[in-house]
Every structure is written in C-alpha cells, then in structure tokens.
Amino acid sequence: MPHSTYTDVGSGDILVFLHGFCENKNVWAEFKKPLQKKFRTIALDLTGFGKNTSGVTDYSMESMAEYVKQELDKLGVKKCILIGHSMGGYTAMAFAAKYSSMLNGLCLFHSSALPDTEEKRENRNKTIEFVEKHGVEKFIQSFVEPLFFADNRPKLRKEINAMIETGIKTPKESIVKGLAAMRDRKDRTEVLKSAKFPVLFIFGKEDGAVPLEKALEQCHLPNNSMVYFLGQTGHMAMFERPYETRKAIEKFAETILG
C-alpha cells in the first residue's frame, strides 16, 4: 500500500518502525526487506519529518506518540511490536506510557527511557543556537557522520551521504522544535519497570548518543528484557550491523509471538 507518510509491506504479525531525529521512514527501507517476508512491516514518518511536515504545531514526544496511535488505528493495527530508533524510541516510550495494551513488545534501538542529563540539555540548547545561526545544511553536515563509528564510515559513505541528503531537506522548524522536544522529554523509566510486554535493547558500544553506562542503567528495569550490545558500532546499527540487528529483532518477535 503506497502512501507518502508510511510504508506498509508484508503480512502476518506486525512490526512498526519509528525513525530517529532528522531521518524519515526510508532509513528502514533496506533493513526491513528480509523481515517483510515473515511479518507485516509498517514504517512511519514522524511528525515534522519526511513527508509529514505540513501543519505541525506540537513536536513533543507525546504528540508524536498520538500521531503513531492515530495512524495505527487507521491501518487497523490492534497489536504490534514497536521498534524505535533514537528519537523514535523516545516516541515509542511515550506511546507505551499510554497504549501499552497495544504492544506485543518494544525495541529501543539505540535509544533510552532516561531523560536528558543537564549536560545533554545544555548541548541541545547549543545545537538549537547553532541551527538558528548557521542553518540546516551546516548543522546536518556536522551532525550525521559522527553517528557512525569512525572505522565504519569509509565503507558506509553512500549511506552517510543519503542521510545527509535526507537531513538537509528537514525543515528548520522541525529541527529546532524537535531538539527542544527531546531536551524536555520525560523520564520513562517507570514505564520500563511496569512493562507487561518484553523489551529488546540494541546498543552500540561506540555510540556517543546513548553511552554504555546509560544503557546499563536501564536494560535491567523491565521484567522481561533481551539486550544486545554491539562492538565497533555507533548509533546507526541498521547500516553498521544490519544482519545482526535484524536477526535480533526477528528472534525477539518469534520468542514473543511463537
């Protein structure tokens, strides 16, 4: 079913993919192709990103979660496994806080239930100032490459360039307000603690955005969790380690769904 703000391919149990900051649904396109043979896979453009940029007034994680709910209702989804990369994981946590009964499971893919630290909040503020002053293109040029572990960058040049191209098309307002929304997001660790659904954590050992100590702080919180730490991997395992992470998601789904 082609649609500008989502893709919906395959049949069976449902996996829903949420992209990260300055990305769009296409970040998952290659990654989920093998999964489409076994599952119904849905990828959404979150509010303010991709083709979903008109008439946005609220960029909060709660508002993004409401958008996800509305789209899933339209698509007739009653239960799914939600997979959120980075900002998509923050959105998934806001969704889980309100609509946990819709979740068979949740995957935090280089993401976190923890709020920003003071230092991180300060960095977000500095980034907002940088974008306001220097514009989107200059920001994206400096933002994308460090998301990948240095040793992986030469062989992933094509993917890095594609992400830069996507990022440059993101409206300035979405970047500035998205940064503020991530800065102000809630602590969702209670959602993990009370989760009735299993949680899969995927972390890169070289991820500057979700440092290892933050990963360790939360992966034991759910009653039922699977944790995957990847060496020589930054923040973008869907490109850096696609085979391993895809297998982890597949195994997670099959464990839950039988």
C-alpha atoms as a PDB file:
ATOM      1  CA  MET A   1       0.000   0.000   0.000  1.00  0.00           C
ATOM      2  CA  PRO A   2       1.939   3.087  -1.171  1.00  0.00           C
ATOM      3  CA  HIS A   3       1.414   6.221   0.887  1.00  0.00           C
ATOM      4  CA  SER A   4       3.566   9.286   1.297  1.00  0.00           C
ATOM      5  CA  THR A   5       3.845   9.238   5.092  1.00  0.00           C
ATOM      6  CA  TYR A   6       4.124   5.489   5.691  1.00  0.00           C
ATOM      7  CA  THR A   7       5.037   2.176   4.092  1.00  0.00           C
ATOM      8  CA  ASP A   8       3.059  -0.977   4.807  1.00  0.00           C
ATOM      9  CA  VAL A   9       4.521  -4.167   3.344  1.00  0.00           C
ATOM     10  CA  GLY A  10       4.138  -7.876   4.074  1.00  0.00           C
ATOM     11  CA  SER A  11       1.593  -9.805   6.101  1.00  0.00           C
ATOM     12  CA  GLY A  12       1.308 -11.537   9.453  1.00  0.00           C
ATOM     13  CA  ASP A  13       2.324 -10.279  12.876  1.00  0.00           C
ATOM     14  CA  ILE A  14       3.078  -6.571  12.823  1.00  0.00           C
ATOM     15  CA  LEU A  15       6.391  -4.751  13.292  1.00  0.00           C
ATOM     16  CA  VAL A  16       6.164  -0.938  13.395  1.00  0.00           C
ATOM     17  CA  PHE A  17       9.350   1.057  12.773  1.00  0.00           C
ATOM     18  CA  LEU A  18       9.888   4.612  14.047  1.00  0.00           C
ATOM     19  CA  HIS A  19      12.871   6.584  12.725  1.00  0.00           C
ATOM     20  CA  GLY A  20      15.223   8.903  14.583  1.00  0.00           C
ATOM     21  CA  PHE A  21      15.871  12.649  14.515  1.00  0.00           C
ATOM     22  CA  CYS A  22      16.382  14.201  11.035  1.00  0.00           C
ATOM     23  CA  GLU A  23      15.601  10.825   9.434  1.00  0.00           C
ATOM     24  CA  ASN A  24      12.442   9.509   7.809  1.00  0.00           C
ATOM     25  CA  LYS A  25      10.748   6.156   7.200  1.00  0.00           C
ATOM     26  CA  ASN A  26      13.232   5.336   4.401  1.00  0.00           C
ATOM     27  CA  VAL A  27      16.030   4.814   6.941  1.00  0.00           C
ATOM     28  CA  TRP A  28      14.465   1.350   7.451  1.00  0.00           C
ATOM     29  CA  ALA A  29      13.820   0.544   3.758  1.00  0.00           C
ATOM     30  CA  GLU A  30      16.701  -1.873   3.092  1.00  0.00           C
ATOM     31  CA  PHE A  31      16.912  -3.091   6.667  1.00  0.00           C
ATOM     32  CA  LYS A  32      13.371  -4.428   6.826  1.00  0.00           C
ATOM     33  CA  LYS A  33      13.203  -6.059   3.373  1.00  0.00           C
ATOM     34  CA  PRO A  34      14.057  -9.574   4.659  1.00  0.00           C
ATOM     35  CA  LEU A  35      11.593  -9.093   7.565  1.00  0.00           C
ATOM     36  CA  GLN A  36       8.782  -8.325   5.101  1.00  0.00           C
ATOM     37  CA  LYS A  37       8.758 -11.992   4.095  1.00  0.00           C
ATOM     38  CA  LYS A  38       7.677 -13.044   7.590  1.00  0.00           C
ATOM     39  CA  PHE A  39       5.926 -10.016   9.070  1.00  0.00           C
ATOM     40  CA  ARG A  40       3.702  -7.112   8.163  1.00  0.00           C
ATOM     41  CA  THR A  41       6.105  -4.166   8.438  1.00  0.00           C
ATOM     42  CA  ILE A  42       4.955  -0.574   8.830  1.00  0.00           C
ATOM     43  CA  ALA A  43       7.326   2.416   8.852  1.00  0.00           C
ATOM     44  CA  LEU A  44       6.005   5.895   9.612  1.00  0.00           C
ATOM     45  CA  ASP A  45       7.265   9.418   9.024  1.00  0.00           C
ATOM     46  CA  LEU A  46       7.086  11.007  12.483  1.00  0.00           C
ATOM     47  CA  THR A  47       5.565  14.445  12.958  1.00  0.00           C
ATOM     48  CA  GLY A  48       7.729  17.137  11.355  1.00  0.00           C
ATOM     49  CA  PHE A  49       9.897  14.754   9.318  1.00  0.00           C
ATOM     50  CA  GLY A  50       9.913  13.113   5.904  1.00  0.00           C
ATOM     51  CA  LYS A  51       6.646  13.785   4.082  1.00  0.00           C
ATOM     52  CA  ASN A  52       4.864  14.580   7.350  1.00  0.00           C
ATOM     53  CA  THR A  53       5.729  18.263   7.738  1.00  0.00           C
ATOM     54  CA  SER A  54       2.560  20.240   6.969  1.00  0.00           C
ATOM     55  CA  GLY A  55       0.526  21.851   9.722  1.00  0.00           C
ATOM     56  CA  VAL A  56       2.643  20.584  12.634  1.00  0.00           C
ATOM     57  CA  THR A  57       2.236  22.658  15.799  1.00  0.00           C
ATOM     58  CA  ASP A  58       3.315  20.219  18.521  1.00  0.00           C
ATOM     59  CA  TYR A  59       6.663  18.410  18.284  1.00  0.00           C
ATOM     60  CA  SER A  60       6.550  16.747  21.710  1.00  0.00           C
ATOM     61  CA  MET A  61       7.156  13.020  22.087  1.00  0.00           C
ATOM     62  CA  GLU A  62       3.585  12.720  23.406  1.00  0.00           C
ATOM     63  CA  SER A  63       2.223  14.375  20.266  1.00  0.00           C
ATOM     64  CA  MET A  64       4.334  12.074  18.074  1.00  0.00           C
ATOM     65  CA  ALA A  65       3.004   9.088  20.051  1.00  0.00           C
ATOM     66  CA  GLU A  66      -0.578  10.304  19.456  1.00  0.00           C
ATOM     67  CA  TYR A  67       0.193  10.515  15.746  1.00  0.00           C
ATOM     68  CA  VAL A  68       1.509   6.933  15.773  1.00  0.00           C
ATOM     69  CA  LYS A  69      -1.684   5.788  17.552  1.00  0.00           C
ATOM     70  CA  GLN A  70      -3.897   7.588  15.042  1.00  0.00           C
ATOM     71  CA  GLU A  71      -2.036   6.051  12.073  1.00  0.00           C
ATOM     72  CA  LEU A  72      -2.078   2.546  13.558  1.00  0.00           C
ATOM     73  CA  ASP A  73      -5.823   2.854  14.175  1.00  0.00           C
ATOM     74  CA  LYS A  74      -6.312   3.881  10.533  1.00  0.00           C
ATOM     75  CA  LEU A  75      -4.272   0.866   9.424  1.00  0.00           C
ATOM     76  CA  GLY A  76      -6.328  -1.468  11.610  1.00  0.00           C
ATOM     77  CA  VAL A  77      -3.416  -2.371  13.892  1.00  0.00           C
ATOM     78  CA  LYS A  78      -4.587  -3.761  17.236  1.00  0.00           C
ATOM     79  CA  LYS A  79      -1.268  -5.225  18.453  1.00  0.00           C
ATOM     80  CA  CYS A  80       2.311  -4.753  17.290  1.00  0.00           C
ATOM     81  CA  ILE A  81       5.973  -4.801  18.190  1.00  0.00           C
ATOM     82  CA  LEU A  82       7.184  -1.205  18.159  1.00  0.00           C
ATOM     83  CA  ILE A  83      10.800  -0.579  17.120  1.00  0.00           C
ATOM     84  CA  GLY A  84      12.089   2.935  17.771  1.00  0.00           C
ATOM     85  CA  HIS A  85      15.468   4.288  16.714  1.00  0.00           C
ATOM     86  CA  SER A  86      16.806   7.126  18.889  1.00  0.00           C
ATOM     87  CA  MET A  87      14.039   9.808  18.856  1.00  0.00           C
ATOM     88  CA  GLY A  88      11.711   7.088  17.572  1.00  0.00           C
ATOM     89  CA  GLY A  89      12.494   5.206  20.782  1.00  0.00           C
ATOM     90  CA  TYR A  90      11.544   8.245  22.859  1.00  0.00           C
ATOM     91  CA  THR A  91       8.278   8.325  20.910  1.00  0.00           C
ATOM     92  CA  ALA A  92       7.810   4.579  21.482  1.00  0.00           C
ATOM     93  CA  MET A  93       8.250   5.120  25.239  1.00  0.00           C
ATOM     94  CA  ALA A  94       5.612   7.903  25.212  1.00  0.00           C
ATOM     95  CA  PHE A  95       3.336   5.531  23.269  1.00  0.00           C
ATOM     96  CA  ALA A  96       3.963   2.705  25.770  1.00  0.00           C
ATOM     97  CA  ALA A  97       3.099   5.021  28.676  1.00  0.00           C
ATOM     98  CA  LYS A  98      -0.418   5.436  27.264  1.00  0.00           C
ATOM     99  CA  TYR A  99      -1.139   2.482  24.970  1.00  0.00           C
ATOM    100  CA  SER A 100       0.771  -0.427  26.485  1.00  0.00           C
ATOM    101  CA  SER A 101      -2.107  -2.823  25.747  1.00  0.00           C
ATOM    102  CA  MET A 102      -1.342  -2.438  22.020  1.00  0.00           C
ATOM    103  CA  LEU A 103       2.223  -3.692  22.435  1.00  0.00           C
ATOM    104  CA  ASN A 104       3.339  -7.285  21.998  1.00  0.00           C
ATOM    105  CA  GLY A 105       6.853  -5.952  22.583  1.00  0.00           C
ATOM    106  CA  LEU A 106       9.034  -2.883  22.261  1.00  0.00           C
ATOM    107  CA  CYS A 107      12.556  -2.433  20.914  1.00  0.00           C
ATOM    108  CA  LEU A 108      14.722   0.511  21.946  1.00  0.00           C
ATOM    109  CA  PHE A 109      17.150   0.669  19.023  1.00  0.00           C
ATOM    110  CA  HIS A 110      19.991   2.963  20.164  1.00  0.00           C
ATOM    111  CA  SER A 111      17.523   4.748  22.401  1.00  0.00           C
ATOM    112  CA  SER A 112      16.676   5.381  26.025  1.00  0.00           C
ATOM    113  CA  ALA A 113      13.892   5.682  28.570  1.00  0.00           C
ATOM    114  CA  LEU A 114      16.058   8.105  30.575  1.00  0.00           C
ATOM    115  CA  PRO A 115      15.605  11.872  30.307  1.00  0.00           C
ATOM    116  CA  ASP A 116      18.397  14.162  29.120  1.00  0.00           C
ATOM    117  CA  THR A 117      21.112  14.907  31.661  1.00  0.00           C
ATOM    118  CA  GLU A 118      21.817  18.565  32.444  1.00  0.00           C
ATOM    119  CA  GLU A 119      24.860  18.398  30.200  1.00  0.00           C
ATOM    120  CA  LYS A 120      22.853  16.912  27.331  1.00  0.00           C
ATOM    121  CA  ARG A 121      20.141  19.571  27.763  1.00  0.00           C
ATOM    122  CA  GLU A 122      22.819  22.235  27.571  1.00  0.00           C
ATOM    123  CA  ASN A 123      24.183  20.633  24.393  1.00  0.00           C
ATOM    124  CA  ARG A 124      20.700  20.608  22.843  1.00  0.00           C
ATOM    125  CA  ASN A 125      20.415  24.343  23.605  1.00  0.00           C
ATOM    126  CA  LYS A 126      23.780  24.992  21.962  1.00  0.00           C
ATOM    127  CA  THR A 127      22.708  22.953  18.937  1.00  0.00           C
ATOM    128  CA  ILE A 128      19.469  24.969  18.663  1.00  0.00           C
ATOM    129  CA  GLU A 129      21.551  28.170  18.690  1.00  0.00           C
ATOM    130  CA  PHE A 130      23.869  26.710  16.030  1.00  0.00           C
ATOM    131  CA  VAL A 131      20.950  25.813  13.733  1.00  0.00           C
ATOM    132  CA  GLU A 132      19.333  29.234  14.226  1.00  0.00           C
ATOM    133  CA  LYS A 133      22.613  30.942  13.393  1.00  0.00           C
ATOM    134  CA  HIS A 134      24.130  28.751  10.659  1.00  0.00           C
ATOM    135  CA  GLY A 135      21.122  26.994   9.121  1.00  0.00           C
ATOM    136  CA  VAL A 136      20.114  23.401   8.444  1.00  0.00           C
ATOM    137  CA  GLU A 137      22.732  22.374   5.901  1.00  0.00           C
ATOM    138  CA  LYS A 138      25.725  23.336   8.026  1.00  0.00           C
ATOM    139  CA  PHE A 139      24.217  21.563  11.029  1.00  0.00           C
ATOM    140  CA  ILE A 140      23.467  18.330   9.127  1.00  0.00           C
ATOM    141  CA  GLN A 141      26.955  18.279   7.595  1.00  0.00           C
ATOM    142  CA  SER A 142      28.418  18.186  11.116  1.00  0.00           C
ATOM    143  CA  PHE A 143      25.703  16.008  12.688  1.00  0.00           C
ATOM    144  CA  VAL A 144      25.394  12.866  10.564  1.00  0.00           C
ATOM    145  CA  GLU A 145      28.889  11.443  10.219  1.00  0.00           C
ATOM    146  CA  PRO A 146      29.662  11.185  13.979  1.00  0.00           C
ATOM    147  CA  LEU A 147      26.575   8.965  14.373  1.00  0.00           C
ATOM    148  CA  PHE A 148      28.628   6.193  12.715  1.00  0.00           C
ATOM    149  CA  PHE A 149      31.626   4.533  14.409  1.00  0.00           C
ATOM    150  CA  ALA A 150      34.752   6.029  12.756  1.00  0.00           C
ATOM    151  CA  ASP A 151      36.027   2.704  11.386  1.00  0.00           C
ATOM    152  CA  ASN A 152      32.693   2.054   9.653  1.00  0.00           C
ATOM    153  CA  ARG A 153      32.490   5.396   7.849  1.00  0.00           C
ATOM    154  CA  PRO A 154      34.629   4.636   4.757  1.00  0.00           C
ATOM    155  CA  LYS A 155      32.542   1.626   3.726  1.00  0.00           C
ATOM    156  CA  LEU A 156      29.232   3.343   4.533  1.00  0.00           C
ATOM    157  CA  ARG A 157      29.900   6.552   2.607  1.00  0.00           C
ATOM    158  CA  LYS A 158      26.814   6.031   0.394  1.00  0.00           C
ATOM    159  CA  GLU A 159      24.528   5.607   3.436  1.00  0.00           C
ATOM    160  CA  ILE A 160      26.067   8.613   5.186  1.00  0.00           C
ATOM    161  CA  ASN A 161      25.552  10.769   2.094  1.00  0.00           C
ATOM    162  CA  ALA A 162      21.942   9.593   1.775  1.00  0.00           C
ATOM    163  CA  MET A 163      21.306  10.529   5.418  1.00  0.00           C
ATOM    164  CA  ILE A 164      22.886  13.953   4.863  1.00  0.00           C
ATOM    165  CA  GLU A 165      20.629  14.462   1.851  1.00  0.00           C
ATOM    166  CA  THR A 166      17.558  13.486   3.920  1.00  0.00           C
ATOM    167  CA  GLY A 167      18.622  15.690   6.815  1.00  0.00           C
ATOM    168  CA  ILE A 168      19.142  18.763   4.639  1.00  0.00           C
ATOM    169  CA  LYS A 169      15.525  18.519   3.460  1.00  0.00           C
ATOM    170  CA  THR A 170      14.235  18.648   7.039  1.00  0.00           C
ATOM    171  CA  PRO A 171      12.511  21.970   7.835  1.00  0.00           C
ATOM    172  CA  LYS A 172      14.458  24.209  10.204  1.00  0.00           C
ATOM    173  CA  GLU A 173      11.435  24.435  12.495  1.00  0.00           C
ATOM    174  CA  SER A 174      11.293  20.621  12.817  1.00  0.00           C
ATOM    175  CA  ILE A 175      14.969  20.533  13.779  1.00  0.00           C
ATOM    176  CA  VAL A 176      14.783  23.350  16.321  1.00  0.00           C
ATOM    177  CA  LYS A 177      11.497  22.251  17.884  1.00  0.00           C
ATOM    178  CA  GLY A 178      12.470  18.574  17.688  1.00  0.00           C
ATOM    179  CA  LEU A 179      15.661  19.321  19.642  1.00  0.00           C
ATOM    180  CA  ALA A 180      13.636  21.204  22.264  1.00  0.00           C
ATOM    181  CA  ALA A 181      11.121  18.334  22.493  1.00  0.00           C
ATOM    182  CA  MET A 182      13.889  15.771  23.033  1.00  0.00           C
ATOM    183  CA  ARG A 183      15.519  18.057  25.618  1.00  0.00           C
ATOM    184  CA  ASP A 184      12.233  18.355  27.540  1.00  0.00           C
ATOM    185  CA  ARG A 185      11.076  14.737  27.286  1.00  0.00           C
ATOM    186  CA  LYS A 186      10.000  12.888  30.418  1.00  0.00           C
ATOM    187  CA  ASP A 187      11.787  10.205  32.365  1.00  0.00           C
ATOM    188  CA  ARG A 188      10.100   6.984  31.200  1.00  0.00           C
ATOM    189  CA  THR A 189      11.978   4.505  33.394  1.00  0.00           C
ATOM    190  CA  GLU A 190       8.734   3.749  35.293  1.00  0.00           C
ATOM    191  CA  VAL A 191       7.214   2.582  32.004  1.00  0.00           C
ATOM    192  CA  LEU A 192      10.050   0.070  31.638  1.00  0.00           C
ATOM    193  CA  LYS A 193       9.680  -1.084  35.246  1.00  0.00           C
ATOM    194  CA  SER A 194       5.959  -1.717  34.916  1.00  0.00           C
ATOM    195  CA  ALA A 195       6.049  -3.057  31.336  1.00  0.00           C
ATOM    196  CA  LYS A 196       3.849  -6.123  30.823  1.00  0.00           C
ATOM    197  CA  PHE A 197       5.469  -6.552  27.397  1.00  0.00           C
ATOM    198  CA  PRO A 198       9.039  -7.757  26.691  1.00  0.00           C
ATOM    199  CA  VAL A 199      11.661  -5.155  25.757  1.00  0.00           C
ATOM    200  CA  LEU A 200      14.584  -5.594  23.371  1.00  0.00           C
ATOM    201  CA  PHE A 201      17.510  -3.196  23.814  1.00  0.00           C
ATOM    202  CA  ILE A 202      20.022  -2.740  20.990  1.00  0.00           C
ATOM    203  CA  PHE A 203      23.088  -0.680  21.903  1.00  0.00           C
ATOM    204  CA  GLY A 204      26.277   0.247  20.075  1.00  0.00           C
ATOM    205  CA  LYS A 205      29.379   0.133  22.261  1.00  0.00           C
ATOM    206  CA  GLU A 206      30.766   3.163  20.375  1.00  0.00           C
ATOM    207  CA  ASP A 207      27.503   5.135  20.457  1.00  0.00           C
ATOM    208  CA  GLY A 208      28.139   8.714  21.587  1.00  0.00           C
ATOM    209  CA  ALA A 209      24.397   9.467  21.763  1.00  0.00           C
ATOM    210  CA  VAL A 210      23.500   6.606  24.151  1.00  0.00           C
ATOM    211  CA  PRO A 211      26.672   5.929  26.177  1.00  0.00           C
ATOM    212  CA  LEU A 212      27.258   2.462  27.607  1.00  0.00           C
ATOM    213  CA  GLU A 213      26.682   3.492  31.229  1.00  0.00           C
ATOM    214  CA  LYS A 214      23.234   4.854  30.289  1.00  0.00           C
ATOM    215  CA  ALA A 215      22.480   1.566  28.530  1.00  0.00           C
ATOM    216  CA  LEU A 216      23.426  -0.403  31.631  1.00  0.00           C
ATOM    217  CA  GLU A 217      21.291   1.863  33.830  1.00  0.00           C
ATOM    218  CA  GLN A 218      18.072   0.795  32.150  1.00  0.00           C
ATOM    219  CA  CYS A 219      18.382  -2.611  30.486  1.00  0.00           C
ATOM    220  CA  HIS A 220      17.628  -4.492  33.744  1.00  0.00           C
ATOM    221  CA  LEU A 221      14.477  -2.484  34.522  1.00  0.00           C
ATOM    222  CA  PRO A 222      11.826  -4.452  32.586  1.00  0.00           C
ATOM    223  CA  ASN A 223      10.563  -7.731  33.990  1.00  0.00           C
ATOM    224  CA  ASN A 224      11.419  -9.367  30.663  1.00  0.00           C
ATOM    225  CA  SER A 225      14.208  -7.978  28.510  1.00  0.00           C
ATOM    226  CA  MET A 226      16.679  -9.048  25.863  1.00  0.00           C
ATOM    227  CA  VAL A 227      19.827  -6.960  25.466  1.00  0.00           C
ATOM    228  CA  TYR A 228      22.197  -6.791  22.534  1.00  0.00           C
ATOM    229  CA  PHE A 229      25.490  -4.892  22.819  1.00  0.00           C
ATOM    230  CA  LEU A 230      27.350  -4.418  19.530  1.00  0.00           C
ATOM    231  CA  GLY A 231      31.078  -3.722  19.417  1.00  0.00           C
ATOM    232  CA  GLN A 232      32.519  -1.395  16.746  1.00  0.00           C
ATOM    233  CA  THR A 233      29.076   0.103  16.297  1.00  0.00           C
ATOM    234  CA  GLY A 234      27.937   3.685  16.747  1.00  0.00           C
ATOM    235  CA  HIS A 235      24.347   4.961  16.654  1.00  0.00           C
ATOM    236  CA  MET A 236      23.295   3.503  13.290  1.00  0.00           C
ATOM    237  CA  ALA A 237      23.280  -0.308  13.526  1.00  0.00           C
ATOM    238  CA  MET A 238      20.643  -0.605  10.792  1.00  0.00           C
ATOM    239  CA  PHE A 239      23.553   0.325   8.488  1.00  0.00           C
ATOM    240  CA  GLU A 240      26.564  -0.618  10.607  1.00  0.00           C
ATOM    241  CA  ARG A 241      25.346  -4.091  11.677  1.00  0.00           C
ATOM    242  CA  PRO A 242      22.186  -4.825   9.678  1.00  0.00           C
ATOM    243  CA  TYR A 243      22.405  -8.617   9.705  1.00  0.00           C
ATOM    244  CA  GLU A 244      22.913  -8.973  13.469  1.00  0.00           C
ATOM    245  CA  THR A 245      20.284  -6.424  14.456  1.00  0.00           C
ATOM    246  CA  ARG A 246      17.723  -7.772  12.010  1.00  0.00           C
ATOM    247  CA  LYS A 247      18.285 -11.282  13.419  1.00  0.00           C
ATOM    248  CA  ALA A 248      17.924  -9.921  16.960  1.00  0.00           C
ATOM    249  CA  ILE A 249      14.559  -8.337  16.081  1.00  0.00           C
ATOM    250  CA  GLU A 250      13.411 -11.488  14.288  1.00  0.00           C
ATOM    251  CA  LYS A 251      14.367 -13.710  17.240  1.00  0.00           C
ATOM    252  CA  PHE A 252      12.719 -11.281  19.678  1.00  0.00           C
ATOM    253  CA  ALA A 253       9.498 -11.299  17.631  1.00  0.00           C
ATOM    254  CA  GLU A 254       9.487 -15.091  17.273  1.00  0.00           C
ATOM    255  CA  THR A 255      10.140 -15.566  21.009  1.00  0.00           C
ATOM    256  CA  ILE A 256       7.165 -13.351  21.862  1.00  0.00           C
ATOM    257  CA  LEU A 257       4.776 -14.442  19.150  1.00  0.00           C
ATOM    258  CA  GLY A 258       5.708 -18.110  18.969  1.00  0.00           C
END
